[in-house]
C-alpha cells in the first residue's frame, strides 16, 4: 500500500465557523491527510453570525474566551492586539463580529500555509452526499463530484423564512428596505436576534416607537466580569428529574447570593457540565426544559455586553422600545400599514398593533426537517440521516456520528456544530464548538490510523 493510498481524505461541508475550526484542528495534526472544504460563499469563516458588517453587532463573549484553540486561549487576543483593534488593558472587551469572521479566515490561511498541499477549498454548493464502498461521494451544484473517506456536515446555523404570511421581514434582507425614521415597527422575539434588529434600526437613526413581542417579554441580561464559584461534577445532580434539578439550582443561586456572590458566577460554573446535564435528562425532561425553562435560561446564559445592555435598557426606559409579553397570532396588511394580532400573557382579549413594518426576530431554525440546505434535505429524504427526537437538530451519537432511519450510526457521515444540538444542546458558542472539533479531529485521525496500520 503506497503513501498516496494511505492518505486520509476528509470532506467538510460548510465553511463557516464550525467547518473552519474543524479543518484547522485536523490540519494542525502531524497526520498525512487531505481536507476538502466546500463552501458556496466566496469567503470562509463568516456564516450567519460573522458576516454582518455593522460595528454594533458585537460578540456576546468577551475576546479572551474566543480563541479558536482551547490549548492557546490568547490566540484571538493576540490577533486583535497585533492589528491594533484592542489595547492591552481592554481584556474584557466585546469586539465586532465581523472581526471574528476575519480572524477565522486568517486562522485557516495560517494553517494552510504551514501545511501546503493538504487543504483544498471548493467554492460550490454541495447538494448531496452518497455513501460508497470506499467512503463518500459529494455531489456539487456545479456538476462535479468529490470523493473522500469521511464527510462532515458543518452547515452551522440557518434561518427559517420569515414568519407572518411573508409580511414580516428579516433584518438585513432584501425586503428590509429603508424606512421613514418616525414610523412604528414591531419586532417578533426578544432574544439576541431582536437586539441585532434594534441595533440596525438605531444605526439608521430610527426615532419611531419599537414594540417587542415575545412569549415572556424578557430581555437578555448583561455580562459582568466574575469568577465562577467552585463546582465539581460530584456536586451536580446528573440524571434527576427537571423539577429536582431546577430546585437544586435555585438553592445554589440563593446560597451564592447569601455570600454576596453574583448569579453569573453560578451560571458560569455550570457551563463545563451543561452538555452532560442535558444528556443525562430523560427525553421528557428535555422537552419540558425547552417548553418552560429555556426562555429564562437563555436570558441568563446568553448575555449582552454591559454597554450594549445599558443602551437597550435606556431605550426601554425612554419609551422608544416597548416590551410586550404575549403570543403573536396573526398579521394582515391594511393599506400601507400592517396590523398584528397578539394575545397578551394572562389576558383573555386580543391586542392589535398597527405598524408599518414587522421584523421576524425568531432566531435560528429549530426543526431540521424544515432545513433549506439541499444536502440535509437529500440525506433526510433518503433516510441516511434522521432528526433527533425533539427535531432541534440531527440525531448523532456522542462521537458525532449521524444516525440513519434504522438507528445505525455512520462511520462515514459525521456532523459538528449547531446541527448536533439535539445530543449536545450547548453547542452554538465558539468555546463549545472548538472543543467538539478538536475531539472529533482526534477520533477521526485515530480511527483512520487504526484502519490503515491495525
Protein backbone atom coordinates (compact mmCIF):
# COMPACT_ATOMS: atom_id res chain seq x y z
CA UNK A 1 0.00 0.00 0.00
CA UNK A 2 1.64 3.22 -1.12
CA UNK A 3 1.69 6.53 0.78
CA UNK A 4 -0.82 8.20 -1.53
CA UNK A 5 -3.31 5.39 -0.91
CA UNK A 6 -2.91 5.74 2.87
CA UNK A 7 -3.63 9.45 2.88
CA UNK A 8 -6.92 10.06 4.67
CA UNK A 9 -9.32 12.31 2.78
CA UNK A 10 -11.86 14.28 4.81
CA UNK A 11 -14.63 16.35 3.24
CA UNK A 12 -16.18 19.18 5.26
CA UNK A 13 -19.46 20.63 4.00
CA UNK A 14 -19.72 24.22 5.25
CA UNK A 15 -17.07 26.90 5.53
CA UNK A 16 -18.50 28.87 8.44
CA UNK A 17 -17.14 28.81 11.98
CA UNK A 18 -17.73 25.08 12.62
CA UNK A 19 -16.18 23.99 9.31
CA UNK A 20 -13.16 26.27 9.62
CA UNK A 21 -12.49 25.23 13.22
CA UNK A 22 -12.67 21.54 12.33
CA UNK A 23 -10.40 21.99 9.31
CA UNK A 24 -7.88 23.92 11.40
CA UNK A 25 -7.77 21.25 14.11
CA UNK A 26 -7.40 18.47 11.55
CA UNK A 27 -4.58 20.25 9.75
CA UNK A 28 -2.72 21.07 12.96
CA UNK A 29 -2.05 17.37 13.40
CA UNK A 30 1.04 15.69 12.01
CA UNK A 31 -1.07 13.13 10.16
CA UNK A 32 -0.83 12.79 6.39
CA UNK A 33 -4.35 13.88 5.50
CA UNK A 34 -6.18 15.86 2.88
CA UNK A 35 -9.01 18.16 3.90
CA UNK A 36 -11.52 19.43 1.33
CA UNK A 37 -13.71 22.32 2.45
CA UNK A 38 -16.84 23.02 0.41
CA UNK A 39 -18.43 26.46 0.83
CA UNK A 40 -20.65 28.29 -1.63
CA UNK A 41 -19.82 31.74 -0.24
CA UNK A 42 -16.71 33.47 -1.60
CA UNK A 43 -15.30 33.98 1.91
CA UNK A 44 -14.64 31.48 4.70
CA UNK A 45 -15.34 31.74 8.41
CA UNK A 46 -18.28 34.11 8.05
CA UNK A 47 -21.53 32.15 8.22
CA UNK A 48 -24.70 33.79 9.54
CA UNK A 49 -23.23 35.31 12.68
CA UNK A 50 -19.91 36.68 11.41
CA UNK A 51 -20.96 38.01 8.01
CA UNK A 52 -22.56 41.13 9.47
CA UNK A 53 -20.76 44.37 8.58
CA UNK A 54 -22.29 46.53 11.31
CA UNK A 55 -19.83 47.53 14.02
CA UNK A 56 -22.53 47.46 16.71
CA UNK A 57 -23.12 43.76 16.05
CA UNK A 58 -20.58 42.51 18.55
CA UNK A 59 -19.61 39.16 20.03
CA UNK A 60 -21.55 38.21 23.13
CA UNK A 61 -18.46 36.51 24.60
CA UNK A 62 -15.51 38.62 25.72
CA UNK A 63 -12.47 38.45 23.46
CA UNK A 64 -10.26 36.27 25.73
CA UNK A 65 -12.86 33.48 25.54
CA UNK A 66 -12.97 33.31 21.73
CA UNK A 67 -9.70 31.66 20.74
CA UNK A 68 -10.01 29.04 18.00
CA UNK A 69 -7.75 26.81 20.09
CA UNK A 70 -8.56 25.81 23.66
CA UNK A 71 -4.88 24.96 24.24
CA UNK A 72 -3.90 28.50 23.20
CA UNK A 73 -6.52 30.70 24.90
CA UNK A 74 -4.83 34.00 23.96
CA UNK A 75 -4.68 33.23 20.24
CA UNK A 76 -7.60 35.53 19.29
CA UNK A 77 -6.47 38.17 21.77
CA UNK A 78 -3.02 38.31 20.16
CA UNK A 79 -4.63 38.56 16.72
CA UNK A 80 -6.66 41.57 17.87
CA UNK A 81 -3.71 43.20 19.59
CA UNK A 82 -1.39 42.70 16.59
CA UNK A 83 -3.91 44.53 14.42
CA UNK A 84 -4.32 47.31 16.99
CA UNK A 85 -8.01 46.52 17.37
CA UNK A 86 -7.68 46.41 21.18
CA UNK A 87 -5.26 47.70 23.77
CA UNK A 88 -3.51 45.58 26.39
CA UNK A 89 -5.78 47.00 29.09
CA UNK A 90 -9.02 46.02 27.27
CA UNK A 91 -9.24 42.33 28.03
CA UNK A 92 -12.93 42.33 28.99
CA UNK A 93 -13.99 43.68 25.62
CA UNK A 94 -16.64 42.61 23.10
CA UNK A 95 -15.41 43.24 19.57
CA UNK A 96 -17.47 43.46 16.35
CA UNK A 97 -18.46 40.07 15.00
CA UNK A 98 -17.05 40.94 11.60
CA UNK A 99 -13.57 40.96 13.18
CA UNK A 100 -14.10 37.39 14.28
CA UNK A 101 -15.03 36.36 10.75
CA UNK A 102 -11.73 37.84 9.55
CA UNK A 103 -9.91 36.06 12.36
CA UNK A 104 -11.31 32.66 11.38
CA UNK A 105 -10.30 33.24 7.75
CA UNK A 106 -6.78 34.09 8.93
CA UNK A 107 -6.66 31.00 11.17
CA UNK A 108 -7.39 28.81 8.17
CA UNK A 109 -4.93 30.67 5.96
CA UNK A 110 -2.14 30.28 8.55
CA UNK A 111 -2.76 26.57 8.94
CA UNK A 112 -2.88 26.15 5.17
CA UNK A 113 0.44 27.96 4.78
CA UNK A 114 2.01 25.72 7.42
CA UNK A 115 0.71 22.54 5.74
CA UNK A 116 0.94 23.19 1.99
CA UNK A 117 -1.00 20.86 -0.26
CA UNK A 118 -3.22 19.40 2.47
CA UNK A 119 -6.17 21.80 2.21
CA UNK A 120 -8.39 22.02 -0.86
CA UNK A 121 -11.09 24.71 -0.92
CA UNK A 122 -14.04 24.34 -3.30
CA UNK A 123 -16.40 27.29 -3.72
CA UNK A 124 -19.54 25.48 -4.78
CA UNK A 125 -22.72 24.21 -3.15
CA UNK A 126 -22.93 20.62 -2.01
CA UNK A 127 -26.35 19.19 -2.89
CA UNK A 128 -25.99 15.56 -1.77
CA UNK A 129 -23.64 13.05 -0.16
CA UNK A 130 -23.71 9.36 -1.07
CA UNK A 131 -22.00 6.61 0.91
CA UNK A 132 -19.86 4.34 -1.27
CA UNK A 133 -17.91 1.17 -0.60
CA UNK A 134 -14.71 3.15 -0.11
CA UNK A 135 -16.12 6.23 1.58
CA UNK A 136 -18.36 9.07 0.41
CA UNK A 137 -19.19 10.96 -2.77
CA UNK A 138 -20.28 14.59 -2.53
CA UNK A 139 -22.25 15.92 -5.46
CA UNK A 140 -21.97 19.63 -6.18
CA UNK A 141 -24.44 22.03 -7.75
CA UNK A 142 -21.90 22.84 -10.47
CA UNK A 143 -21.98 19.21 -11.64
CA UNK A 144 -18.73 17.93 -10.16
CA UNK A 145 -18.34 15.15 -7.60
CA UNK A 146 -15.80 14.90 -4.79
CA UNK A 147 -14.63 11.61 -3.26
CA UNK A 148 -13.43 11.23 0.32
CA UNK A 149 -13.15 8.67 3.10
CA UNK A 150 -15.25 10.69 5.57
CA UNK A 151 -17.71 13.58 5.22
CA UNK A 152 -18.61 16.02 7.99
CA UNK A 153 -21.72 18.19 7.92
CA UNK A 154 -20.75 21.58 9.35
CA UNK A 155 -23.51 23.71 7.87
CA UNK A 156 -23.98 25.77 11.05
CA UNK A 157 -27.00 27.93 11.77
CA UNK A 158 -29.67 28.55 9.24
CA UNK A 159 -32.64 30.84 9.39
CA UNK A 160 -36.21 29.92 8.61
CA UNK A 161 -38.07 32.05 6.07
CA UNK A 162 -39.70 34.98 7.82
CA UNK A 163 -42.97 34.16 9.53
CA UNK A 164 -46.25 36.04 9.27
CA UNK A 165 -47.50 35.14 5.77
CA UNK A 166 -44.44 36.66 4.15
CA UNK A 167 -45.33 40.09 5.51
CA UNK A 168 -42.67 40.12 8.23
CA UNK A 169 -39.08 40.60 7.07
CA UNK A 170 -35.66 39.62 8.34
CA UNK A 171 -33.32 42.43 9.29
CA UNK A 172 -30.69 42.96 6.61
CA UNK A 173 -32.63 41.02 3.96
CA UNK A 174 -33.55 42.40 0.54
CA UNK A 175 -37.05 43.11 1.90
CA UNK A 176 -35.56 45.29 4.65
CA UNK A 177 -35.78 48.47 2.61
CA UNK A 178 -35.22 51.96 4.13
CA UNK A 179 -37.95 53.16 6.49
CA UNK A 180 -39.30 56.55 7.43
CA UNK A 181 -37.47 57.05 10.77
CA UNK A 182 -40.66 58.08 12.59
CA UNK A 183 -42.94 55.16 11.74
CA UNK A 184 -43.88 52.44 14.28
CA UNK A 185 -42.37 48.97 13.89
CA UNK A 186 -42.92 45.62 15.59
CA UNK A 187 -40.25 43.03 16.44
CA UNK A 188 -41.29 39.40 16.96
CA UNK A 189 -38.94 37.88 19.56
CA UNK A 190 -36.85 39.43 22.33
CA UNK A 191 -33.58 37.47 22.17
CA UNK A 192 -30.23 38.23 20.57
CA UNK A 193 -31.73 38.43 17.05
CA UNK A 194 -34.03 41.17 18.31
CA UNK A 195 -31.03 43.05 19.65
CA UNK A 196 -29.44 42.90 16.19
CA UNK A 197 -32.62 44.29 14.63
CA UNK A 198 -32.85 47.08 17.22
CA UNK A 199 -29.21 48.00 16.60
CA UNK A 200 -29.81 48.17 12.85
CA UNK A 201 -32.75 50.50 13.44
CA UNK A 202 -30.65 52.60 15.82
CA UNK A 203 -27.86 52.86 13.24
CA UNK A 204 -30.47 54.14 10.75
CA UNK A 205 -31.44 56.73 13.42
CA UNK A 206 -34.94 55.35 13.76
CA UNK A 207 -37.00 57.53 16.10
CA UNK A 208 -40.42 55.86 15.88
CA UNK A 209 -41.83 53.51 18.53
CA UNK A 210 -40.49 49.95 18.53
CA UNK A 211 -42.72 47.26 20.07
CA UNK A 212 -41.08 43.96 21.01
CA UNK A 213 -43.41 40.97 21.39
CA UNK A 214 -42.27 37.69 22.89
CA UNK A 215 -43.82 34.95 24.98
CA UNK A 216 -42.39 36.23 28.27
CA UNK A 217 -41.27 39.74 27.32
CA UNK A 218 -37.78 39.14 28.74
CA UNK A 219 -34.54 40.80 27.61
CA UNK A 220 -31.10 39.15 27.73
CA UNK A 221 -29.18 40.06 30.88
CA UNK A 222 -25.85 41.90 30.95
CA UNK A 223 -22.38 40.40 31.18
CA UNK A 224 -20.21 41.20 34.16
CA UNK A 225 -16.65 40.17 34.83
CA UNK A 226 -16.97 37.49 37.52
CA UNK A 227 -15.22 34.34 38.73
CA UNK A 228 -17.25 31.11 38.64
CA UNK A 229 -17.99 29.56 42.03
CA UNK A 230 -16.18 26.27 42.81
CA UNK A 231 -18.29 23.43 41.45
CA UNK A 232 -17.27 19.80 40.97
CA UNK A 233 -19.01 17.10 38.95
CA UNK A 234 -19.86 15.33 42.21
CA UNK A 235 -21.88 18.41 43.25
CA UNK A 236 -24.18 18.26 40.19
CA UNK A 237 -27.32 16.06 40.39
CA UNK A 238 -26.99 14.41 36.98
CA UNK A 239 -29.90 12.28 35.80
CA UNK A 240 -32.50 13.73 38.16
CA UNK A 241 -35.91 14.95 37.06
CA UNK A 242 -36.19 18.54 35.87
CA UNK A 243 -38.14 19.78 38.92
CA UNK A 244 -35.47 18.39 41.27
CA UNK A 245 -32.65 19.87 39.20
CA UNK A 246 -34.21 23.34 38.99
CA UNK A 247 -34.84 23.31 42.76
CA UNK A 248 -31.18 22.39 43.34
CA UNK A 249 -30.08 25.19 41.01
CA UNK A 250 -32.28 27.77 42.74
CA UNK A 251 -30.79 26.73 46.09
CA UNK A 252 -27.31 27.16 44.62
CA UNK A 253 -28.21 30.69 43.46
CA UNK A 254 -29.63 31.60 46.87
CA UNK A 255 -26.55 30.30 48.68
CA UNK A 256 -24.29 32.32 46.38
CA UNK A 257 -26.41 35.45 46.88
CA UNK A 258 -26.21 34.99 50.66
CA UNK A 259 -22.41 35.02 50.33
CA UNK A 260 -22.62 38.21 48.28
CA UNK A 261 -21.73 36.47 45.01
CA UNK A 262 -23.19 37.27 41.60
CA UNK A 263 -25.69 34.91 39.93
CA UNK A 264 -23.42 34.93 36.88
CA UNK A 265 -20.78 33.10 38.92
CA UNK A 266 -23.25 30.23 39.38
CA UNK A 267 -24.39 30.11 35.74
CA UNK A 268 -20.79 30.17 34.51
CA UNK A 269 -19.75 27.47 36.99
CA UNK A 270 -22.33 25.15 35.45
CA UNK A 271 -21.02 25.62 31.91
CA UNK A 272 -18.46 22.75 31.89
CA UNK A 273 -21.26 20.36 32.83
CA UNK A 274 -24.10 21.64 30.63
CA UNK A 275 -23.76 19.03 27.90
CA UNK A 276 -23.57 16.18 30.39
CA UNK A 277 -26.61 17.54 32.27
CA UNK A 278 -28.61 17.61 29.03
CA UNK A 279 -27.52 14.12 28.01
CA UNK A 280 -28.48 12.67 31.40
CA UNK A 281 -32.01 14.06 31.31
CA UNK A 282 -34.86 11.92 30.05
CA UNK A 283 -36.50 12.87 26.77
CA UNK A 284 -39.47 14.18 28.74
CA UNK A 285 -37.22 16.36 30.90
CA UNK A 286 -35.53 17.80 27.81
CA UNK A 287 -38.90 18.55 26.24
CA UNK A 288 -40.16 20.27 29.41
CA UNK A 289 -36.94 22.28 29.62
CA UNK A 290 -37.37 23.57 26.06
CA UNK A 291 -41.03 24.46 26.66
CA UNK A 292 -40.89 26.01 30.10
CA UNK A 293 -37.35 26.74 31.30
CA UNK A 294 -35.36 27.60 28.20
CA UNK A 295 -36.56 31.23 27.83
CA UNK A 296 -35.40 32.01 31.37
CA UNK A 297 -32.16 30.07 30.95
CA UNK A 298 -31.34 31.82 27.66
CA UNK A 299 -31.55 35.37 29.03
CA UNK A 300 -29.10 34.48 31.81
CA UNK A 301 -26.84 32.19 29.79
CA UNK A 302 -26.63 34.19 26.53
CA UNK A 303 -25.91 37.67 27.80
CA UNK A 304 -25.19 41.08 26.29
CA UNK A 305 -22.07 43.24 26.64
CA UNK A 306 -22.61 45.70 29.51
CA UNK A 307 -22.61 48.88 27.41
CA UNK A 308 -24.98 47.39 24.85
CA UNK A 309 -27.34 46.21 27.58
CA UNK A 310 -27.29 49.69 29.15
CA UNK A 311 -28.21 51.28 25.80
CA UNK A 312 -31.13 48.89 25.36
CA UNK A 313 -32.37 49.47 28.90
CA UNK A 314 -32.18 53.21 28.29
CA UNK A 315 -34.28 52.86 25.14
CA UNK A 316 -36.86 50.85 27.11
CA UNK A 317 -36.82 53.39 29.94
CA UNK A 318 -37.32 56.26 27.50
CA UNK A 319 -40.32 54.51 25.98
CA UNK A 320 -38.97 54.14 22.47
CA UNK A 321 -38.74 50.36 22.92
CA UNK A 322 -41.81 48.75 24.50
CA UNK A 323 -41.77 45.14 25.75
CA UNK A 324 -44.96 43.11 25.42
CA UNK A 325 -45.30 39.62 26.89
CA UNK A 326 -47.67 37.74 24.67
CA UNK A 327 -48.22 35.39 21.75
CA UNK A 328 -48.28 36.57 18.15
CA UNK A 329 -51.40 35.18 16.47
CA UNK A 330 -51.96 36.80 13.09
CA UNK A 331 -50.99 39.56 10.70
CA UNK A 332 -52.66 41.33 7.80
CA UNK A 333 -52.00 44.26 5.51
CA UNK A 334 -54.16 47.35 5.86
CA UNK A 335 -53.26 49.79 3.14
CA UNK A 336 -49.70 50.94 3.66
CA UNK A 337 -49.68 49.56 7.21
CA UNK A 338 -49.71 46.17 8.88
CA UNK A 339 -51.96 45.01 11.71
CA UNK A 340 -50.56 42.35 14.05
CA UNK A 341 -52.79 40.44 16.46
CA UNK A 342 -51.32 39.48 19.84
CA UNK A 343 -52.75 37.78 22.90
CA UNK A 344 -51.01 39.29 25.90
CA UNK A 345 -49.77 36.92 28.57
CA UNK A 346 -52.53 36.27 31.09
CA UNK A 347 -55.15 38.17 29.10
CA UNK A 348 -58.27 36.77 27.51
CA UNK A 349 -58.78 39.57 24.99
CA UNK A 350 -56.69 40.38 21.95
CA UNK A 351 -54.43 43.38 21.33
CA UNK A 352 -53.88 44.87 17.89
CA UNK A 353 -50.74 46.69 16.81
CA UNK A 354 -50.83 48.88 13.70
CA UNK A 355 -47.31 49.35 12.38
CA UNK A 356 -45.52 49.99 9.12
CA UNK A 357 -43.17 47.01 9.34
CA UNK A 358 -42.84 43.75 11.27
CA UNK A 359 -39.41 42.17 11.78
CA UNK A 360 -39.19 38.46 12.48
CA UNK A 361 -36.51 38.09 15.16
CA UNK A 362 -37.29 34.48 15.96
CA UNK A 363 -33.65 33.49 15.56
CA UNK A 364 -32.34 30.25 14.12
CA UNK A 365 -34.29 27.37 12.67
CA UNK A 366 -35.11 24.68 15.22
CA UNK A 367 -36.75 21.98 13.08
CA UNK A 368 -34.16 20.27 10.93
CA UNK A 369 -36.88 18.81 8.69
CA UNK A 370 -37.59 22.37 7.54
CA UNK A 371 -33.95 22.85 6.52
CA UNK A 372 -33.26 24.83 3.37
CA UNK A 373 -29.88 23.10 2.96
CA UNK A 374 -30.05 20.78 -0.10
CA UNK A 375 -27.61 18.22 1.33
CA UNK A 376 -29.52 17.91 4.59
CA UNK A 377 -32.80 17.61 2.68
CA UNK A 378 -31.43 14.92 0.37
CA UNK A 379 -29.96 12.87 3.20
CA UNK A 380 -33.18 13.13 5.23
CA UNK A 381 -35.34 12.12 2.26
CA UNK A 382 -33.21 9.02 1.66
CA UNK A 383 -33.12 8.08 5.33
CA UNK A 384 -29.33 8.30 5.59
CA UNK A 385 -29.80 10.71 8.50
CA UNK A 386 -32.73 11.44 10.79
CA UNK A 387 -33.82 14.25 13.12
CA UNK A 388 -33.22 13.94 16.82
CA UNK A 389 -36.38 13.12 18.82
CA UNK A 390 -37.00 16.81 19.59
CA UNK A 391 -36.36 17.94 15.99
CA UNK A 392 -33.87 20.60 17.08
CA UNK A 393 -31.04 19.07 15.07
CA UNK A 394 -29.82 15.81 13.57
CA UNK A 395 -29.59 12.73 15.71
CA UNK A 396 -25.93 11.94 16.34
CA UNK A 397 -24.20 9.78 18.92
CA UNK A 398 -21.65 11.03 21.46
CA UNK A 399 -18.93 10.68 18.80
CA UNK A 400 -20.77 12.90 16.29
CA UNK A 401 -21.72 10.01 14.01
CA UNK A 402 -25.04 10.62 12.28
CA UNK A 403 -27.83 8.10 12.84
CA UNK A 404 -29.84 6.73 9.92
CA UNK A 405 -33.56 5.92 9.81
CA UNK A 406 -32.89 2.43 11.22
CA UNK A 407 -30.94 3.72 14.21
CA UNK A 408 -27.50 2.77 12.91
CA UNK A 409 -24.56 5.19 13.36
CA UNK A 410 -22.36 6.00 10.37
CA UNK A 411 -18.56 6.00 10.45
CA UNK A 412 -18.57 7.81 7.09
CA UNK A 413 -21.00 10.66 7.73
CA UNK A 414 -20.43 12.89 10.76
CA UNK A 415 -21.75 16.26 11.96
CA UNK A 416 -20.46 19.12 14.11
CA UNK A 417 -21.74 22.39 15.50
CA UNK A 418 -25.36 23.54 15.82
CA UNK A 419 -26.66 20.58 13.81
CA UNK A 420 -25.78 18.37 16.80
CA UNK A 421 -27.72 20.38 19.40
CA UNK A 422 -30.16 17.50 19.99
CA UNK A 423 -27.32 15.49 21.54
CA UNK A 424 -25.13 18.26 22.97
CA UNK A 425 -27.58 21.19 23.33
CA UNK A 426 -24.89 23.72 24.35
CA UNK A 427 -23.07 23.61 21.02
CA UNK A 428 -23.69 27.01 19.46
CA UNK A 429 -20.91 29.12 21.02
CA UNK A 430 -17.28 29.02 19.89
CA UNK A 431 -15.89 27.78 23.25
CA UNK A 432 -18.10 24.67 22.92
CA UNK A 433 -17.69 24.13 19.18
CA UNK A 434 -13.88 24.30 19.33
CA UNK A 435 -13.79 21.51 21.96
CA UNK A 436 -16.14 19.38 19.88
CA UNK A 437 -13.97 19.94 16.80
CA UNK A 438 -10.69 19.02 18.48
CA UNK A 439 -12.26 15.88 19.97
CA UNK A 440 -13.72 14.86 16.62
CA UNK A 441 -10.42 15.53 14.83
CA UNK A 442 -8.59 13.26 17.27
CA UNK A 443 -11.14 10.45 16.85
CA UNK A 444 -11.17 10.62 13.05
CA UNK A 445 -7.38 10.56 12.85
CA UNK A 446 -7.07 7.81 15.44
CA UNK A 447 -9.64 5.57 13.72
CA UNK A 448 -8.01 6.17 10.34
CA UNK A 449 -4.62 5.19 11.71
CA UNK A 450 -6.09 2.05 13.24
CA UNK A 451 -7.67 1.04 9.90
CA UNK A 452 -4.51 1.71 7.94
CA UNK A 453 -1.97 0.10 10.23
CA UNK A 454 -4.03 -2.13 12.55
